[in-house]
């Protein structure tokens, strides 16, 4: 069974940068067999798609609201995916979740239903 563990969240200031990590583990687990997505849920809001990356890192997608500030990447040998967030804004305050998807490895989508494994989330609070 695959397990995902996010880290890197915390209290940050407007304009700061932060890099979130998503470490994957599990017996007989092959990280390269999964596409990865990042989602977030702000206070009182629905969970929303942020970014996704294909199984080999060759294709990425970002929500329009975060383009230019959020960069998703992955290190397959290290079984870790990352979300770099620059120029943080108060509206970026949320719990950020990573998720793994074996159904659409090349062009992972934006729907949370596509993702079968989820982490517990890491909270990012942006203070002004």
Foldseek 3Di string as FASTA:
>chain_A
DKAWAKDWADEAEQQAKTKIKIAIDDPVDQQLLWKKFKWWAAVPGDIWTAKIAASVRPDMDGDPVQPPFWDWGDDRVRRMIMIMGGRDDQVVFTWMKMFIANPDRHDDDTDPVRGDYIHPTDTHGYDD
